[in-house]
PDB file of all heavy atoms in Angstrom:
ATOM      1  N   LEU A   1    -112.049  54.092-131.177  1.00  0.00           N
ATOM      2  CA  LEU A   1    -111.503  55.336-131.268  1.00  0.00           C
ATOM      3  C   LEU A   1    -110.595  55.512-132.338  1.00  0.00           C
ATOM      4  O   LEU A   1    -109.610  54.717-132.544  1.00  0.00           O
ATOM      5  CB  LEU A   1    -110.785  55.603-129.934  1.00  0.00           C
ATOM      6  CG  LEU A   1    -110.287  57.039-129.593  1.00  0.00           C
ATOM      7  CD1 LEU A   1    -110.151  57.213-128.057  1.00  0.00           C
ATOM      8  CD2 LEU A   1    -108.972  57.263-130.151  1.00  0.00           C
ATOM      9  N   PHE A   2    -110.854  56.525-133.199  1.00  0.00           N
ATOM     10  CA  PHE A   2    -109.985  56.884-134.433  1.00  0.00           C
ATOM     11  C   PHE A   2    -109.256  58.179-133.949  1.00  0.00           C
ATOM     12  O   PHE A   2    -109.949  59.261-133.700  1.00  0.00           O
ATOM     13  CB  PHE A   2    -110.728  57.120-135.702  1.00  0.00           C
ATOM     14  CG  PHE A   2    -111.504  55.902-136.229  1.00  0.00           C
ATOM     15  CD1 PHE A   2    -112.800  55.682-136.155  1.00  0.00           C
ATOM     16  CD2 PHE A   2    -110.725  54.787-136.718  1.00  0.00           C
ATOM     17  CE1 PHE A   2    -113.402  54.459-136.494  1.00  0.00           C
ATOM     18  CE2 PHE A   2    -111.288  53.736-137.254  1.00  0.00           C
ATOM     19  CZ  PHE A   2    -112.605  53.524-137.229  1.00  0.00           C
ATOM     20  N   LEU A   3    -107.928  58.208-134.064  1.00  0.00           N
ATOM     21  CA  LEU A   3    -107.173  59.391-133.708  1.00  0.00           C
ATOM     22  C   LEU A   3    -106.196  59.660-134.697  1.00  0.00           C
ATOM     23  O   LEU A   3    -105.487  58.785-135.347  1.00  0.00           O
ATOM     24  CB  LEU A   3    -106.421  58.951-132.285  1.00  0.00           C
ATOM     25  CG  LEU A   3    -105.558  60.119-131.810  1.00  0.00           C
ATOM     26  CD1 LEU A   3    -106.439  61.348-131.337  1.00  0.00           C
ATOM     27  CD2 LEU A   3    -104.604  59.663-130.732  1.00  0.00           C
ATOM     28  N   GLY A   4    -106.026  60.983-135.164  1.00  0.00           N
ATOM     29  CA  GLY A   4    -105.052  61.397-136.131  1.00  0.00           C
ATOM     30  C   GLY A   4    -104.948  62.902-136.098  1.00  0.00           C
ATOM     31  O   GLY A   4    -105.780  63.564-135.658  1.00  0.00           O
ATOM     32  N   HIS A   5    -103.819  63.332-136.708  1.00  0.00           N
ATOM     33  CA  HIS A   5    -103.701  64.805-136.980  1.00  0.00           C
ATOM     34  C   HIS A   5    -104.595  65.285-138.043  1.00  0.00           C
ATOM     35  O   HIS A   5    -105.216  66.344-137.999  1.00  0.00           O
ATOM     36  CB  HIS A   5    -102.254  65.130-137.320  1.00  0.00           C
ATOM     37  CG  HIS A   5    -101.261  64.863-136.081  1.00  0.00           C
ATOM     38  ND1 HIS A   5    -100.075  64.153-136.235  1.00  0.00           N
ATOM     39  CD2 HIS A   5    -101.258  65.398-134.815  1.00  0.00           C
ATOM     40  CE1 HIS A   5     -99.572  64.096-135.009  1.00  0.00           C
ATOM     41  NE2 HIS A   5    -100.217  64.814-134.151  1.00  0.00           N
ATOM     42  N   THR A   6    -104.768  64.341-139.073  1.00  0.00           N
ATOM     43  CA  THR A   6    -105.749  64.593-140.134  1.00  0.00           C
ATOM     44  C   THR A   6    -106.883  63.631-139.981  1.00  0.00           C
ATOM     45  O   THR A   6    -106.657  62.556-139.250  1.00  0.00           O
ATOM     46  CB  THR A   6    -105.076  64.536-141.582  1.00  0.00           C
ATOM     47  OG1 THR A   6    -104.515  63.177-141.643  1.00  0.00           O
ATOM     48  CG2 THR A   6    -104.053  65.525-141.747  1.00  0.00           C
ATOM     49  N   ARG A   7    -107.966  63.782-140.643  1.00  0.00           N
ATOM     50  CA  ARG A   7    -109.040  62.755-140.648  1.00  0.00           C
ATOM     51  C   ARG A   7    -109.142  62.129-142.097  1.00  0.00           C
ATOM     52  O   ARG A   7    -109.190  62.822-143.042  1.00  0.00           O
ATOM     53  CB  ARG A   7    -110.313  63.447-140.109  1.00  0.00           C
ATOM     54  CG  ARG A   7    -111.385  62.482-140.156  1.00  0.00           C
ATOM     55  CD  ARG A   7    -112.722  63.204-139.719  1.00  0.00           C
ATOM     56  NE  ARG A   7    -112.630  63.602-138.337  1.00  0.00           N
ATOM     57  CZ  ARG A   7    -113.362  64.495-137.738  1.00  0.00           C
ATOM     58  NH1 ARG A   7    -114.496  64.940-138.358  1.00  0.00           N
ATOM     59  NH2 ARG A   7    -113.158  64.788-136.480  1.00  0.00           N
ATOM     60  N   SER A   8    -109.058  60.847-142.088  1.00  0.00           N
ATOM     61  CA  SER A   8    -109.344  60.133-143.342  1.00  0.00           C
ATOM     62  C   SER A   8    -110.778  60.472-143.884  1.00  0.00           C
ATOM     63  O   SER A   8    -111.679  60.641-143.170  1.00  0.00           O
ATOM     64  CB  SER A   8    -109.078  58.698-143.239  1.00  0.00           C
ATOM     65  OG  SER A   8    -110.061  58.074-142.375  1.00  0.00           O
ATOM     66  N   VAL A   9    -110.826  60.364-145.199  1.00  0.00           N
ATOM     67  CA  VAL A   9    -112.178  60.560-145.757  1.00  0.00           C
ATOM     68  C   VAL A   9    -113.135  59.575-145.413  1.00  0.00           C
ATOM     69  O   VAL A   9    -114.319  59.752-145.217  1.00  0.00           O
ATOM     70  CB  VAL A   9    -112.089  60.729-147.313  1.00  0.00           C
ATOM     71  CG1 VAL A   9    -113.352  60.999-147.959  1.00  0.00           C
ATOM     72  CG2 VAL A   9    -111.107  61.857-147.624  1.00  0.00           C
ATOM     73  N   GLU A  10    -112.586  58.366-145.159  1.00  0.00           N
ATOM     74  CA  GLU A  10    -113.472  57.227-144.630  1.00  0.00           C
ATOM     75  C   GLU A  10    -114.095  57.466-143.333  1.00  0.00           C
ATOM     76  O   GLU A  10    -115.202  57.247-143.143  1.00  0.00           O
ATOM     77  CB  GLU A  10    -112.701  55.892-144.672  1.00  0.00           C
ATOM     78  CG  GLU A  10    -112.451  55.366-146.056  1.00  0.00           C
ATOM     79  CD  GLU A  10    -111.228  55.985-146.669  1.00  0.00           C
ATOM     80  OE1 GLU A  10    -110.551  56.926-146.156  1.00  0.00           O
ATOM     81  OE2 GLU A  10    -110.940  55.600-147.803  1.00  0.00           O
ATOM     82  N   VAL A  11    -113.289  57.979-142.402  1.00  0.00           N
ATOM     83  CA  VAL A  11    -113.841  58.252-141.142  1.00  0.00           C
ATOM     84  C   VAL A  11    -114.686  59.538-141.183  1.00  0.00           C
ATOM     85  O   VAL A  11    -115.822  59.541-140.443  1.00  0.00           O
ATOM     86  CB  VAL A  11    -112.668  58.589-140.050  1.00  0.00           C
ATOM     87  CG1 VAL A  11    -113.144  59.077-138.732  1.00  0.00           C
ATOM     88  CG2 VAL A  11    -111.913  57.192-139.793  1.00  0.00           C
ATOM     89  N   GLU A  12    -114.369  60.484-141.998  1.00  0.00           N
ATOM     90  CA  GLU A  12    -115.299  61.661-142.125  1.00  0.00           C
ATOM     91  C   GLU A  12    -116.665  61.250-142.624  1.00  0.00           C
ATOM     92  O   GLU A  12    -117.706  61.693-142.154  1.00  0.00           O
ATOM     93  CB  GLU A  12    -114.667  62.621-143.111  1.00  0.00           C
ATOM     94  CG  GLU A  12    -115.490  63.825-143.432  1.00  0.00           C
ATOM     95  CD  GLU A  12    -115.808  64.682-142.165  1.00  0.00           C
ATOM     96  OE1 GLU A  12    -115.132  64.598-141.335  1.00  0.00           O
ATOM     97  OE2 GLU A  12    -116.915  65.332-142.283  1.00  0.00           O
ATOM     98  N   ARG A  13    -116.737  60.307-143.524  1.00  0.00           N
ATOM     99  CA  ARG A  13    -118.145  59.770-143.976  1.00  0.00           C
ATOM    100  C   ARG A  13    -118.803  59.143-142.770  1.00  0.00           C
ATOM    101  O   ARG A  13    -120.017  59.332-142.629  1.00  0.00           O
ATOM    102  CB  ARG A  13    -117.959  58.697-145.110  1.00  0.00           C
ATOM    103  CG  ARG A  13    -119.221  58.198-145.709  1.00  0.00           C
ATOM    104  CD  ARG A  13    -118.927  57.033-146.541  1.00  0.00           C
ATOM    105  NE  ARG A  13    -118.731  55.774-145.805  1.00  0.00           N
ATOM    106  CZ  ARG A  13    -119.617  54.930-145.273  1.00  0.00           C
ATOM    107  NH1 ARG A  13    -120.931  55.155-145.504  1.00  0.00           N
ATOM    108  NH2 ARG A  13    -119.346  53.893-144.572  1.00  0.00           N
ATOM    109  N   LEU A  14    -118.165  58.391-141.942  1.00  0.00           N
ATOM    110  CA  LEU A  14    -118.727  57.749-140.795  1.00  0.00           C
ATOM    111  C   LEU A  14    -119.243  58.824-139.876  1.00  0.00           C
ATOM    112  O   LEU A  14    -120.283  58.658-139.147  1.00  0.00           O
ATOM    113  CB  LEU A  14    -117.847  56.840-140.103  1.00  0.00           C
ATOM    114  CG  LEU A  14    -117.360  55.580-140.851  1.00  0.00           C
ATOM    115  CD1 LEU A  14    -116.186  54.804-140.136  1.00  0.00           C
ATOM    116  CD2 LEU A  14    -118.571  54.642-141.177  1.00  0.00           C
ATOM    117  N   VAL A  15    -118.594  59.902-139.683  1.00  0.00           N
ATOM    118  CA  VAL A  15    -118.846  61.035-138.810  1.00  0.00           C
ATOM    119  C   VAL A  15    -120.112  61.703-139.349  1.00  0.00           C
ATOM    120  O   VAL A  15    -121.154  61.897-138.645  1.00  0.00           O
ATOM    121  CB  VAL A  15    -117.747  62.083-138.582  1.00  0.00           C
ATOM    122  CG1 VAL A  15    -118.366  63.267-137.949  1.00  0.00           C
ATOM    123  CG2 VAL A  15    -116.614  61.475-137.781  1.00  0.00           C
ATOM    124  N   GLU A  16    -120.200  61.901-140.714  1.00  0.00           N
ATOM    125  CA  GLU A  16    -121.312  62.642-141.317  1.00  0.00           C
ATOM    126  C   GLU A  16    -122.639  61.859-141.249  1.00  0.00           C
ATOM    127  O   GLU A  16    -123.760  62.468-141.165  1.00  0.00           O
ATOM    128  CB  GLU A  16    -121.009  63.057-142.699  1.00  0.00           C
ATOM    129  CG  GLU A  16    -119.848  64.109-142.696  1.00  0.00           C
ATOM    130  CD  GLU A  16    -119.578  64.692-144.072  1.00  0.00           C
ATOM    131  OE1 GLU A  16    -120.357  64.413-145.127  1.00  0.00           O
ATOM    132  OE2 GLU A  16    -118.739  65.469-144.282  1.00  0.00           O
ATOM    133  N   ILE A  17    -122.510  60.552-141.273  1.00  0.00           N
ATOM    134  CA  ILE A  17    -123.783  59.692-141.240  1.00  0.00           C
ATOM    135  C   ILE A  17    -124.161  59.404-139.953  1.00  0.00           C
ATOM    136  O   ILE A  17    -125.145  58.673-139.656  1.00  0.00           O
ATOM    137  CB  ILE A  17    -123.640  58.421-142.069  1.00  0.00           C
ATOM    138  CG1 ILE A  17    -122.580  57.426-141.433  1.00  0.00           C
ATOM    139  CG2 ILE A  17    -123.280  58.733-143.578  1.00  0.00           C
ATOM    140  CD1 ILE A  17    -122.455  56.154-142.190  1.00  0.00           C
ATOM    141  N   GLY A  18    -123.338  59.859-138.901  1.00  0.00           N
ATOM    142  CA  GLY A  18    -123.656  59.636-137.429  1.00  0.00           C
ATOM    143  C   GLY A  18    -123.234  58.251-136.784  1.00  0.00           C
ATOM    144  O   GLY A  18    -123.666  57.999-135.733  1.00  0.00           O
ATOM    145  N   TRP A  19    -122.525  57.645-137.569  1.00  0.00           N
ATOM    146  CA  TRP A  19    -122.053  56.237-137.034  1.00  0.00           C
ATOM    147  C   TRP A  19    -120.813  56.442-136.023  1.00  0.00           C
ATOM    148  O   TRP A  19    -120.692  55.614-135.168  1.00  0.00           O
ATOM    149  CB  TRP A  19    -121.677  55.371-138.169  1.00  0.00           C
ATOM    150  CG  TRP A  19    -121.516  54.033-137.790  1.00  0.00           C
ATOM    151  CD1 TRP A  19    -120.399  53.147-137.870  1.00  0.00           C
ATOM    152  CD2 TRP A  19    -122.473  52.928-137.415  1.00  0.00           C
ATOM    153  NE1 TRP A  19    -120.466  51.990-137.398  1.00  0.00           N
ATOM    154  CE2 TRP A  19    -121.863  51.742-137.228  1.00  0.00           C
ATOM    155  CE3 TRP A  19    -123.925  53.103-137.279  1.00  0.00           C
ATOM    156  CZ2 TRP A  19    -122.663  50.639-136.704  1.00  0.00           C
ATOM    157  CZ3 TRP A  19    -124.661  51.961-136.906  1.00  0.00           C
ATOM    158  CH2 TRP A  19    -123.897  50.770-136.487  1.00  0.00           C
ATOM    159  N   VAL A  20    -120.107  57.441-136.251  1.00  0.00           N
ATOM    160  CA  VAL A  20    -119.104  57.775-135.367  1.00  0.00           C
ATOM    161  C   VAL A  20    -119.158  59.287-134.832  1.00  0.00           C
ATOM    162  O   VAL A  20    -119.586  60.177-135.594  1.00  0.00           O
ATOM    163  CB  VAL A  20    -117.736  57.739-135.997  1.00  0.00           C
ATOM    164  CG1 VAL A  20    -116.591  58.306-135.128  1.00  0.00           C
ATOM    165  CG2 VAL A  20    -117.374  56.274-136.486  1.00  0.00           C
ATOM    166  N   ARG A  21    -118.993  59.362-133.499  1.00  0.00           N
ATOM    167  CA  ARG A  21    -119.172  60.677-132.941  1.00  0.00           C
ATOM    168  C   ARG A  21    -117.974  61.487-132.814  1.00  0.00           C
ATOM    169  O   ARG A  21    -116.824  60.861-132.386  1.00  0.00           O
ATOM    170  CB  ARG A  21    -119.824  60.516-131.475  1.00  0.00           C
ATOM    171  CG  ARG A  21    -119.952  61.881-130.748  1.00  0.00           C
ATOM    172  CD  ARG A  21    -120.679  61.544-129.350  1.00  0.00           C
ATOM    173  NE  ARG A  21    -119.798  60.785-128.439  1.00  0.00           N
ATOM    174  CZ  ARG A  21    -119.068  61.436-127.510  1.00  0.00           C
ATOM    175  NH1 ARG A  21    -118.896  62.693-127.362  1.00  0.00           N
ATOM    176  NH2 ARG A  21    -118.404  60.674-126.647  1.00  0.00           N
ATOM    177  N   GLU A  22    -117.862  62.650-133.220  1.00  0.00           N
ATOM    178  CA  GLU A  22    -116.806  63.542-133.175  1.00  0.00           C
ATOM    179  C   GLU A  22    -116.607  64.113-131.834  1.00  0.00           C
ATOM    180  O   GLU A  22    -117.543  64.583-131.141  1.00  0.00           O
ATOM    181  CB  GLU A  22    -116.836  64.761-134.193  1.00  0.00           C
ATOM    182  CG  GLU A  22    -115.686  65.553-134.245  1.00  0.00           C
ATOM    183  CD  GLU A  22    -115.770  66.729-135.198  1.00  0.00           C
ATOM    184  OE1 GLU A  22    -116.921  66.947-135.775  1.00  0.00           O
ATOM    185  OE2 GLU A  22    -114.714  67.326-135.571  1.00  0.00           O
ATOM    186  N   VAL A  23    -115.519  63.979-131.144  1.00  0.00           N
ATOM    187  CA  VAL A  23    -115.163  64.570-129.830  1.00  0.00           C
ATOM    188  C   VAL A  23    -114.367  65.880-130.175  1.00  0.00           C
ATOM    189  O   VAL A  23    -113.221  65.726-130.480  1.00  0.00           O
ATOM    190  CB  VAL A  23    -114.384  63.539-128.985  1.00  0.00           C
ATOM    191  CG1 VAL A  23    -114.053  64.203-127.590  1.00  0.00           C
ATOM    192  CG2 VAL A  23    -115.245  62.231-128.731  1.00  0.00           C
ATOM    193  N   PRO A  24    -114.856  66.995-129.752  1.00  0.00           N
ATOM    194  CA  PRO A  24    -114.151  68.258-130.128  1.00  0.00           C
ATOM    195  C   PRO A  24    -112.877  68.355-129.285  1.00  0.00           C
ATOM    196  O   PRO A  24    -112.934  67.907-128.014  1.00  0.00           O
ATOM    197  CB  PRO A  24    -115.177  69.350-129.622  1.00  0.00           C
ATOM    198  CG  PRO A  24    -116.509  68.637-129.557  1.00  0.00           C
ATOM    199  CD  PRO A  24    -116.221  67.181-129.311  1.00  0.00           C
ATOM    200  N   ALA A  25    -111.881  68.929-129.908  1.00  0.00           N
ATOM    201  CA  ALA A  25    -110.651  69.174-129.074  1.00  0.00           C
ATOM    202  C   ALA A  25    -110.687  70.578-128.466  1.00  0.00           C
ATOM    203  O   ALA A  25    -111.225  71.495-129.115  1.00  0.00           O
ATOM    204  CB  ALA A  25    -109.391  69.131-130.127  1.00  0.00           C
ATOM    205  N   VAL A  26    -110.078  70.668-127.379  1.00  0.00           N
ATOM    206  CA  VAL A  26    -110.012  72.023-126.717  1.00  0.00           C
ATOM    207  C   VAL A  26    -108.614  72.175-126.095  1.00  0.00           C
ATOM    208  O   VAL A  26    -107.817  71.232-125.790  1.00  0.00           O
ATOM    209  CB  VAL A  26    -110.905  72.148-125.497  1.00  0.00           C
ATOM    210  CG1 VAL A  26    -112.399  72.083-125.960  1.00  0.00           C
ATOM    211  CG2 VAL A  26    -110.759  70.933-124.460  1.00  0.00           C
ATOM    212  N   LYS A  27    -108.105  73.362-126.196  1.00  0.00           N
ATOM    213  CA  LYS A  27    -106.708  73.834-125.722  1.00  0.00           C
ATOM    214  C   LYS A  27    -105.565  73.157-126.484  1.00  0.00           C
ATOM    215  O   LYS A  27    -104.646  72.893-125.965  1.00  0.00           O
ATOM    216  CB  LYS A  27    -106.688  73.503-124.247  1.00  0.00           C
ATOM    217  CG  LYS A  27    -107.623  74.206-123.339  1.00  0.00           C
ATOM    218  CD  LYS A  27    -107.467  73.853-121.899  1.00  0.00           C
ATOM    219  CE  LYS A  27    -108.418  74.528-121.048  1.00  0.00           C
ATOM    220  NZ  LYS A  27    -108.272  74.199-119.536  1.00  0.00           N
ATOM    221  N   HIS A  28    -105.892  72.744-127.668  1.00  0.00           N
ATOM    222  CA  HIS A  28    -104.731  72.310-128.479  1.00  0.00           C
ATOM    223  C   HIS A  28    -104.033  73.415-129.140  1.00  0.00           C
ATOM    224  O   HIS A  28    -104.676  74.361-129.818  1.00  0.00           O
ATOM    225  CB  HIS A  28    -105.240  71.420-129.632  1.00  0.00           C
ATOM    226  CG  HIS A  28    -105.503  69.948-129.142  1.00  0.00           C
ATOM    227  ND1 HIS A  28    -106.094  68.988-129.979  1.00  0.00           N
ATOM    228  CD2 HIS A  28    -105.589  69.500-127.885  1.00  0.00           C
ATOM    229  CE1 HIS A  28    -106.212  67.944-129.286  1.00  0.00           C
ATOM    230  NE2 HIS A  28    -106.017  68.115-127.989  1.00  0.00           N
ATOM    231  N   VAL A  29    -102.802  73.547-129.093  1.00  0.00           N
ATOM    232  CA  VAL A  29    -101.946  74.651-129.712  1.00  0.00           C
ATOM    233  C   VAL A  29    -101.571  74.075-131.036  1.00  0.00           C
ATOM    234  O   VAL A  29    -100.826  73.181-131.273  1.00  0.00           O
ATOM    235  CB  VAL A  29    -100.748  74.939-128.870  1.00  0.00           C
ATOM    236  CG1 VAL A  29     -99.908  76.029-129.516  1.00  0.00           C
ATOM    237  CG2 VAL A  29    -101.076  75.355-127.557  1.00  0.00           C
ATOM    238  N   ARG A  30    -102.145  74.747-132.154  1.00  0.00           N
ATOM    239  CA  ARG A  30    -101.909  74.197-133.529  1.00  0.00           C
ATOM    240  C   ARG A  30    -100.540  74.855-133.957  1.00  0.00           C
ATOM    241  O   ARG A  30    -100.049  75.783-133.610  1.00  0.00           O
ATOM    242  CB  ARG A  30    -103.089  74.760-134.381  1.00  0.00           C
ATOM    243  CG  ARG A  30    -103.003  76.252-134.690  1.00  0.00           C
ATOM    244  CD  ARG A  30    -104.238  76.681-135.472  1.00  0.00           C
ATOM    245  NE  ARG A  30    -104.164  78.054-135.823  1.00  0.00           N
ATOM    246  CZ  ARG A  30    -105.191  78.799-136.307  1.00  0.00           C
ATOM    247  NH1 ARG A  30    -106.335  78.275-136.343  1.00  0.00           N
ATOM    248  NH2 ARG A  30    -104.999  80.077-136.692  1.00  0.00           N
ATOM    249  N   PRO A  31     -99.904  74.129-134.912  1.00  0.00           N
ATOM    250  CA  PRO A  31     -98.654  74.533-135.434  1.00  0.00           C
ATOM    251  C   PRO A  31     -98.716  75.815-136.273  1.00  0.00           C
ATOM    252  O   PRO A  31     -99.761  76.060-136.715  1.00  0.00           O
ATOM    253  CB  PRO A  31     -98.235  73.356-136.419  1.00  0.00           C
ATOM    254  CG  PRO A  31     -98.977  72.190-136.009  1.00  0.00           C
ATOM    255  CD  PRO A  31    -100.324  72.691-135.344  1.00  0.00           C
ATOM    256  N   ARG A  32     -97.595  76.591-136.285  1.00  0.00           N
ATOM    257  CA  ARG A  32     -97.638  77.944-136.975  1.00  0.00           C
ATOM    258  C   ARG A  32     -97.068  77.638-138.312  1.00  0.00           C
ATOM    259  O   ARG A  32     -95.862  77.754-138.638  1.00  0.00           O
ATOM    260  CB  ARG A  32     -96.763  78.926-136.236  1.00  0.00           C
ATOM    261  CG  ARG A  32     -96.661  80.302-136.823  1.00  0.00           C
ATOM    262  CD  ARG A  32     -96.288  81.395-135.840  1.00  0.00           C
ATOM    263  NE  ARG A  32     -94.779  81.143-135.403  1.00  0.00           N
ATOM    264  CZ  ARG A  32     -93.771  81.718-136.149  1.00  0.00           C
ATOM    265  NH1 ARG A  32     -93.966  82.569-137.138  1.00  0.00           N
ATOM    266  NH2 ARG A  32     -92.602  81.468-135.747  1.00  0.00           N
ATOM    267  N   VAL A  33     -98.066  77.297-139.262  1.00  0.00           N
ATOM    268  CA  VAL A  33     -97.723  76.927-140.684  1.00  0.00           C
ATOM    269  C   VAL A  33     -97.672  78.245-141.505  1.00  0.00           C
ATOM    270  O   VAL A  33     -98.625  78.973-141.476  1.00  0.00           O
ATOM    271  CB  VAL A  33     -98.696  75.976-141.168  1.00  0.00           C
ATOM    272  CG1 VAL A  33     -98.321  75.576-142.626  1.00  0.00           C
ATOM    273  CG2 VAL A  33     -98.802  74.648-140.320  1.00  0.00           C
TER     274      VAL A  33
END
């Protein structure tokens, strides 16, 4: 399990090639930037 507020580019590559599955977030209140 990889967890972070941001996603590293290395993990993003693993997600895009299908080696890591992205679990969508629901009901997260994002900061008001």
